[in-house]
Amino acid sequence: MKNRCFWVTNSQLYKDYHDNEWGQPVFDDATLFEFIILETFQAGLSWITILNKRENFRKAFDNFDYKKIANYPAVKYNSLLQDTGIIRNKLKIKSAIINAQLFIEIQKEFGSFSKFIWSYVDGKPIVNKFHTKEDVPTTSALSDKISNDLKKRGFKFVGSTVVYAYLQAIGMVNDHTTDCFKYSVL
């Protein structure tokens, strides 16, 4: 039996996410945007709730196509508010549209969102050596800095806790605990 991080439940969905995605460095803009959507909707909720609805989000948000999302008309916004397959929070749905527009602005400025976000760590993941649940923080100086920068640019639902979870998800921060089988392979 594989030893996984403390937060992984018996859910196969959770195990697959942990084993195949979480903490893996992501440099593709489309995937980086997908995680922005998922993490911002997760704010205040459990991650398993989001994972269980991930495919619904994928369908509702046009496969996380930020170019389409940035141009959603009011009728699409209103249809998302009625979509029971996703989190129907008015502010979070509006933030997905705003964040898509700002994501494109960052691409124009830096060439890609990946170049922008990974510049904070010179393109190299931070590998922490946490042993227990209590060791793993929910924010860091890095997540504070990125959160502040994104907020100044107009992004919504990007507090330091959300940003830290995002950094973990996209592999900029490797927080697999030292007893996890993924710790040594990343």
C-alpha atoms as a PDB file:
ATOM      1  CA  MET A   1       0.000   0.000   0.000  1.00  0.00           C
ATOM      2  CA  LYS A   2       1.327   3.441  -0.945  1.00  0.00           C
ATOM      3  CA  ASN A   3       1.858   5.992   1.781  1.00  0.00           C
ATOM      4  CA  ARG A   4       0.268   9.266   0.705  1.00  0.00           C
ATOM      5  CA  CYS A   5      -0.001  12.764   2.128  1.00  0.00           C
ATOM      6  CA  PHE A   6      -2.217  13.153   5.191  1.00  0.00           C
ATOM      7  CA  TRP A   7      -5.056  14.895   3.335  1.00  0.00           C
ATOM      8  CA  VAL A   8      -5.765  12.071   0.889  1.00  0.00           C
ATOM      9  CA  THR A   9      -8.926  10.151   1.760  1.00  0.00           C
ATOM     10  CA  ASN A  10     -10.012   6.714   0.563  1.00  0.00           C
ATOM     11  CA  SER A  11     -11.699   8.344  -2.431  1.00  0.00           C
ATOM     12  CA  GLN A  12     -10.174   7.020  -5.652  1.00  0.00           C
ATOM     13  CA  LEU A  13     -10.681  10.467  -7.183  1.00  0.00           C
ATOM     14  CA  TYR A  14      -8.582  11.993  -4.402  1.00  0.00           C
ATOM     15  CA  LYS A  15      -5.898   9.303  -4.732  1.00  0.00           C
ATOM     16  CA  ASP A  16      -5.690   9.796  -8.504  1.00  0.00           C
ATOM     17  CA  TYR A  17      -5.480  13.573  -8.130  1.00  0.00           C
ATOM     18  CA  HIS A  18      -2.736  13.273  -5.509  1.00  0.00           C
ATOM     19  CA  ASP A  19      -0.789  10.618  -7.402  1.00  0.00           C
ATOM     20  CA  ASN A  20      -1.006  12.141 -10.889  1.00  0.00           C
ATOM     21  CA  GLU A  21      -1.489  15.896 -10.595  1.00  0.00           C
ATOM     22  CA  TRP A  22      -0.942  17.579  -7.232  1.00  0.00           C
ATOM     23  CA  GLY A  23       2.565  18.950  -6.919  1.00  0.00           C
ATOM     24  CA  GLN A  24       3.534  18.144 -10.511  1.00  0.00           C
ATOM     25  CA  PRO A  25       5.068  21.265 -12.103  1.00  0.00           C
ATOM     26  CA  VAL A  26       2.641  22.768 -14.631  1.00  0.00           C
ATOM     27  CA  PHE A  27       3.899  25.166 -17.298  1.00  0.00           C
ATOM     28  CA  ASP A  28       0.979  24.991 -19.748  1.00  0.00           C
ATOM     29  CA  ASP A  29      -1.177  28.142 -19.691  1.00  0.00           C
ATOM     30  CA  ALA A  30      -4.437  26.247 -20.274  1.00  0.00           C
ATOM     31  CA  THR A  31      -3.841  24.007 -17.248  1.00  0.00           C
ATOM     32  CA  LEU A  32      -2.618  26.926 -15.154  1.00  0.00           C
ATOM     33  CA  PHE A  33      -5.889  28.698 -15.895  1.00  0.00           C
ATOM     34  CA  GLU A  34      -7.948  25.596 -15.109  1.00  0.00           C
ATOM     35  CA  PHE A  35      -6.412  25.516 -11.642  1.00  0.00           C
ATOM     36  CA  ILE A  36      -7.126  29.219 -11.151  1.00  0.00           C
ATOM     37  CA  ILE A  37     -10.795  28.515 -11.824  1.00  0.00           C
ATOM     38  CA  LEU A  38     -10.890  25.449  -9.582  1.00  0.00           C
ATOM     39  CA  GLU A  39      -8.959  27.018  -6.706  1.00  0.00           C
ATOM     40  CA  THR A  40     -11.011  30.215  -6.699  1.00  0.00           C
ATOM     41  CA  PHE A  41     -14.239  28.225  -6.633  1.00  0.00           C
ATOM     42  CA  GLN A  42     -12.808  26.084  -3.831  1.00  0.00           C
ATOM     43  CA  ALA A  43     -12.420  29.090  -1.508  1.00  0.00           C
ATOM     44  CA  GLY A  44     -14.375  28.238   1.642  1.00  0.00           C
ATOM     45  CA  LEU A  45     -15.167  24.700   0.469  1.00  0.00           C
ATOM     46  CA  SER A  46     -13.408  21.337   0.558  1.00  0.00           C
ATOM     47  CA  TRP A  47     -11.194  20.326  -2.354  1.00  0.00           C
ATOM     48  CA  ILE A  48     -13.064  17.029  -2.750  1.00  0.00           C
ATOM     49  CA  THR A  49     -16.225  19.057  -3.474  1.00  0.00           C
ATOM     50  CA  ILE A  50     -14.408  20.709  -6.369  1.00  0.00           C
ATOM     51  CA  LEU A  51     -12.876  17.451  -7.610  1.00  0.00           C
ATOM     52  CA  ASN A  52     -16.304  15.829  -7.618  1.00  0.00           C
ATOM     53  CA  LYS A  53     -17.617  18.706  -9.757  1.00  0.00           C
ATOM     54  CA  ARG A  54     -14.523  19.130 -11.928  1.00  0.00           C
ATOM     55  CA  GLU A  55     -16.017  17.579 -15.058  1.00  0.00           C
ATOM     56  CA  ASN A  56     -19.167  19.671 -14.588  1.00  0.00           C
ATOM     57  CA  PHE A  57     -16.965  22.772 -14.368  1.00  0.00           C
ATOM     58  CA  ARG A  58     -15.122  21.642 -17.501  1.00  0.00           C
ATOM     59  CA  LYS A  59     -18.408  21.418 -19.441  1.00  0.00           C
ATOM     60  CA  ALA A  60     -19.923  24.594 -17.982  1.00  0.00           C
ATOM     61  CA  PHE A  61     -16.773  26.665 -18.613  1.00  0.00           C
ATOM     62  CA  ASP A  62     -16.049  25.494 -22.166  1.00  0.00           C
ATOM     63  CA  ASN A  63     -13.171  23.207 -21.210  1.00  0.00           C
ATOM     64  CA  PHE A  64     -11.636  26.088 -19.218  1.00  0.00           C
ATOM     65  CA  ASP A  65     -11.003  28.029 -22.428  1.00  0.00           C
ATOM     66  CA  TYR A  66      -9.975  31.401 -20.978  1.00  0.00           C
ATOM     67  CA  LYS A  67     -10.412  33.165 -24.338  1.00  0.00           C
ATOM     68  CA  LYS A  68     -14.075  32.120 -24.471  1.00  0.00           C
ATOM     69  CA  ILE A  69     -14.634  32.762 -20.764  1.00  0.00           C
ATOM     70  CA  ALA A  70     -13.170  36.283 -21.043  1.00  0.00           C
ATOM     71  CA  ASN A  71     -15.911  37.103 -23.550  1.00  0.00           C
ATOM     72  CA  TYR A  72     -18.887  35.492 -21.853  1.00  0.00           C
ATOM     73  CA  PRO A  73     -22.011  37.548 -22.433  1.00  0.00           C
ATOM     74  CA  ALA A  74     -24.665  38.134 -19.768  1.00  0.00           C
ATOM     75  CA  VAL A  75     -26.734  35.231 -21.089  1.00  0.00           C
ATOM     76  CA  LYS A  76     -23.862  32.774 -20.436  1.00  0.00           C
ATOM     77  CA  TYR A  77     -23.296  34.240 -16.968  1.00  0.00           C
ATOM     78  CA  ASN A  78     -26.993  33.770 -16.204  1.00  0.00           C
ATOM     79  CA  SER A  79     -26.944  30.177 -17.479  1.00  0.00           C
ATOM     80  CA  LEU A  80     -23.979  29.427 -15.188  1.00  0.00           C
ATOM     81  CA  LEU A  81     -25.998  30.727 -12.252  1.00  0.00           C
ATOM     82  CA  GLN A  82     -28.603  28.066 -13.058  1.00  0.00           C
ATOM     83  CA  ASP A  83     -26.115  25.203 -13.555  1.00  0.00           C
ATOM     84  CA  THR A  84     -26.564  22.825 -10.607  1.00  0.00           C
ATOM     85  CA  GLY A  85     -23.423  20.909 -11.591  1.00  0.00           C
ATOM     86  CA  ILE A  86     -21.112  23.712 -10.449  1.00  0.00           C
ATOM     87  CA  ILE A  87     -20.835  26.039  -7.458  1.00  0.00           C
ATOM     88  CA  ARG A  88     -23.476  28.681  -8.214  1.00  0.00           C
ATOM     89  CA  ASN A  89     -21.886  31.617  -6.454  1.00  0.00           C
ATOM     90  CA  LYS A  90     -22.524  34.894  -8.299  1.00  0.00           C
ATOM     91  CA  LEU A  91     -19.259  36.487  -7.230  1.00  0.00           C
ATOM     92  CA  LYS A  92     -17.159  33.419  -8.063  1.00  0.00           C
ATOM     93  CA  ILE A  93     -18.753  33.046 -11.489  1.00  0.00           C
ATOM     94  CA  LYS A  94     -18.166  36.746 -12.192  1.00  0.00           C
ATOM     95  CA  SER A  95     -14.588  36.377 -10.948  1.00  0.00           C
ATOM     96  CA  ALA A  96     -13.963  33.545 -13.441  1.00  0.00           C
ATOM     97  CA  ILE A  97     -14.824  35.946 -16.270  1.00  0.00           C
ATOM     98  CA  ILE A  98     -12.771  38.818 -14.827  1.00  0.00           C
ATOM     99  CA  ASN A  99      -9.818  36.546 -14.050  1.00  0.00           C
ATOM    100  CA  ALA A 100      -9.894  35.164 -17.612  1.00  0.00           C
ATOM    101  CA  GLN A 101      -9.674  38.712 -18.982  1.00  0.00           C
ATOM    102  CA  LEU A 102      -6.776  39.538 -16.654  1.00  0.00           C
ATOM    103  CA  PHE A 103      -5.057  36.219 -17.438  1.00  0.00           C
ATOM    104  CA  ILE A 104      -4.981  37.313 -21.097  1.00  0.00           C
ATOM    105  CA  GLU A 105      -3.563  40.708 -20.085  1.00  0.00           C
ATOM    106  CA  ILE A 106      -0.717  38.960 -18.238  1.00  0.00           C
ATOM    107  CA  GLN A 107      -0.066  36.808 -21.315  1.00  0.00           C
ATOM    108  CA  LYS A 108       0.232  39.951 -23.417  1.00  0.00           C
ATOM    109  CA  GLU A 109       2.616  41.524 -20.910  1.00  0.00           C
ATOM    110  CA  PHE A 110       4.859  38.506 -20.240  1.00  0.00           C
ATOM    111  CA  GLY A 111       4.393  36.309 -23.316  1.00  0.00           C
ATOM    112  CA  SER A 112       2.607  33.658 -21.264  1.00  0.00           C
ATOM    113  CA  PHE A 113       1.011  33.307 -17.857  1.00  0.00           C
ATOM    114  CA  SER A 114       3.513  30.535 -17.174  1.00  0.00           C
ATOM    115  CA  LYS A 115       6.453  32.934 -17.573  1.00  0.00           C
ATOM    116  CA  PHE A 116       4.759  35.357 -15.194  1.00  0.00           C
ATOM    117  CA  ILE A 117       3.891  32.911 -12.420  1.00  0.00           C
ATOM    118  CA  TRP A 118       7.073  30.833 -12.593  1.00  0.00           C
ATOM    119  CA  SER A 119       9.257  33.972 -12.543  1.00  0.00           C
ATOM    120  CA  TYR A 120       8.537  34.176  -8.814  1.00  0.00           C
ATOM    121  CA  VAL A 121      10.660  31.045  -8.296  1.00  0.00           C
ATOM    122  CA  ASP A 122      13.057  31.397 -11.253  1.00  0.00           C
ATOM    123  CA  GLY A 123      11.299  28.472 -12.942  1.00  0.00           C
ATOM    124  CA  LYS A 124      12.243  25.984 -10.224  1.00  0.00           C
ATOM    125  CA  PRO A 125       9.816  24.431  -7.736  1.00  0.00           C
ATOM    126  CA  ILE A 126      10.324  25.023  -4.039  1.00  0.00           C
ATOM    127  CA  VAL A 127      10.720  21.630  -2.383  1.00  0.00           C
ATOM    128  CA  ASN A 128       9.735  21.720   1.261  1.00  0.00           C
ATOM    129  CA  LYS A 129      10.627  19.033   3.771  1.00  0.00           C
ATOM    130  CA  PHE A 130       7.482  18.851   5.841  1.00  0.00           C
ATOM    131  CA  HIS A 131       6.981  15.786   8.008  1.00  0.00           C
ATOM    132  CA  THR A 132       3.511  16.244   9.476  1.00  0.00           C
ATOM    133  CA  LYS A 133       0.184  17.931   8.788  1.00  0.00           C
ATOM    134  CA  GLU A 134       1.072  20.583  11.357  1.00  0.00           C
ATOM    135  CA  ASP A 135       4.245  21.469   9.434  1.00  0.00           C
ATOM    136  CA  VAL A 136       2.423  22.348   6.209  1.00  0.00           C
ATOM    137  CA  PRO A 137       1.418  26.028   6.118  1.00  0.00           C
ATOM    138  CA  THR A 138      -1.692  27.463   4.499  1.00  0.00           C
ATOM    139  CA  THR A 139       0.133  30.616   3.369  1.00  0.00           C
ATOM    140  CA  SER A 140       3.721  31.755   2.874  1.00  0.00           C
ATOM    141  CA  ALA A 141       5.652  34.913   2.100  1.00  0.00           C
ATOM    142  CA  LEU A 142       5.567  33.804  -1.553  1.00  0.00           C
ATOM    143  CA  SER A 143       1.784  33.305  -1.607  1.00  0.00           C
ATOM    144  CA  ASP A 144       1.375  36.687   0.116  1.00  0.00           C
ATOM    145  CA  LYS A 145       3.490  38.345  -2.572  1.00  0.00           C
ATOM    146  CA  ILE A 146       1.727  36.678  -5.506  1.00  0.00           C
ATOM    147  CA  SER A 147      -1.696  37.275  -3.955  1.00  0.00           C
ATOM    148  CA  ASN A 148      -0.939  40.980  -3.563  1.00  0.00           C
ATOM    149  CA  ASP A 149       0.326  41.217  -7.139  1.00  0.00           C
ATOM    150  CA  LEU A 150      -2.730  39.444  -8.562  1.00  0.00           C
ATOM    151  CA  LYS A 151      -5.084  41.612  -6.484  1.00  0.00           C
ATOM    152  CA  LYS A 152      -3.353  44.771  -7.720  1.00  0.00           C
ATOM    153  CA  ARG A 153      -3.949  43.530 -11.257  1.00  0.00           C
ATOM    154  CA  GLY A 154      -7.657  43.100 -10.430  1.00  0.00           C
ATOM    155  CA  PHE A 155      -7.914  39.332  -9.912  1.00  0.00           C
ATOM    156  CA  LYS A 156     -10.680  38.152  -7.581  1.00  0.00           C
ATOM    157  CA  PHE A 157     -10.731  35.349  -4.966  1.00  0.00           C
ATOM    158  CA  VAL A 158      -6.940  35.218  -4.860  1.00  0.00           C
ATOM    159  CA  GLY A 159      -6.211  35.615  -1.173  1.00  0.00           C
ATOM    160  CA  SER A 160      -2.967  34.188   0.136  1.00  0.00           C
ATOM    161  CA  THR A 161      -4.562  30.875   1.206  1.00  0.00           C
ATOM    162  CA  VAL A 162      -6.103  30.329  -2.242  1.00  0.00           C
ATOM    163  CA  VAL A 163      -2.815  31.266  -3.899  1.00  0.00           C
ATOM    164  CA  TYR A 164      -0.840  28.896  -1.665  1.00  0.00           C
ATOM    165  CA  ALA A 165      -3.185  26.032  -2.575  1.00  0.00           C
ATOM    166  CA  TYR A 166      -2.733  27.036  -6.218  1.00  0.00           C
ATOM    167  CA  LEU A 167       1.060  26.954  -5.904  1.00  0.00           C
ATOM    168  CA  GLN A 168       0.827  23.472  -4.386  1.00  0.00           C
ATOM    169  CA  ALA A 169      -1.539  22.277  -7.115  1.00  0.00           C
ATOM    170  CA  ILE A 170       0.649  23.530  -9.983  1.00  0.00           C
ATOM    171  CA  GLY A 171       3.840  22.214  -8.425  1.00  0.00           C
ATOM    172  CA  MET A 172       5.543  25.552  -7.769  1.00  0.00           C
ATOM    173  CA  VAL A 173       5.616  24.401  -4.169  1.00  0.00           C
ATOM    174  CA  ASN A 174       6.161  20.710  -3.486  1.00  0.00           C
ATOM    175  CA  ASP A 175       4.453  20.052  -0.162  1.00  0.00           C
ATOM    176  CA  HIS A 176       4.275  16.278  -0.362  1.00  0.00           C
ATOM    177  CA  THR A 177       5.229  15.222   3.150  1.00  0.00           C
ATOM    178  CA  THR A 178       8.487  13.360   3.526  1.00  0.00           C
ATOM    179  CA  ASP A 179       6.688  10.072   4.258  1.00  0.00           C
ATOM    180  CA  CYS A 180       4.641  10.296   1.020  1.00  0.00           C
ATOM    181  CA  PHE A 181       5.716   8.094  -1.872  1.00  0.00           C
ATOM    182  CA  LYS A 182       5.556  11.148  -4.183  1.00  0.00           C
ATOM    183  CA  TYR A 183       8.032  13.156  -2.118  1.00  0.00           C
ATOM    184  CA  SER A 184      11.137  11.484  -3.501  1.00  0.00           C
ATOM    185  CA  VAL A 185       9.943  11.140  -7.096  1.00  0.00           C
ATOM    186  CA  LEU A 186       9.296  14.829  -7.787  1.00  0.00           C
END
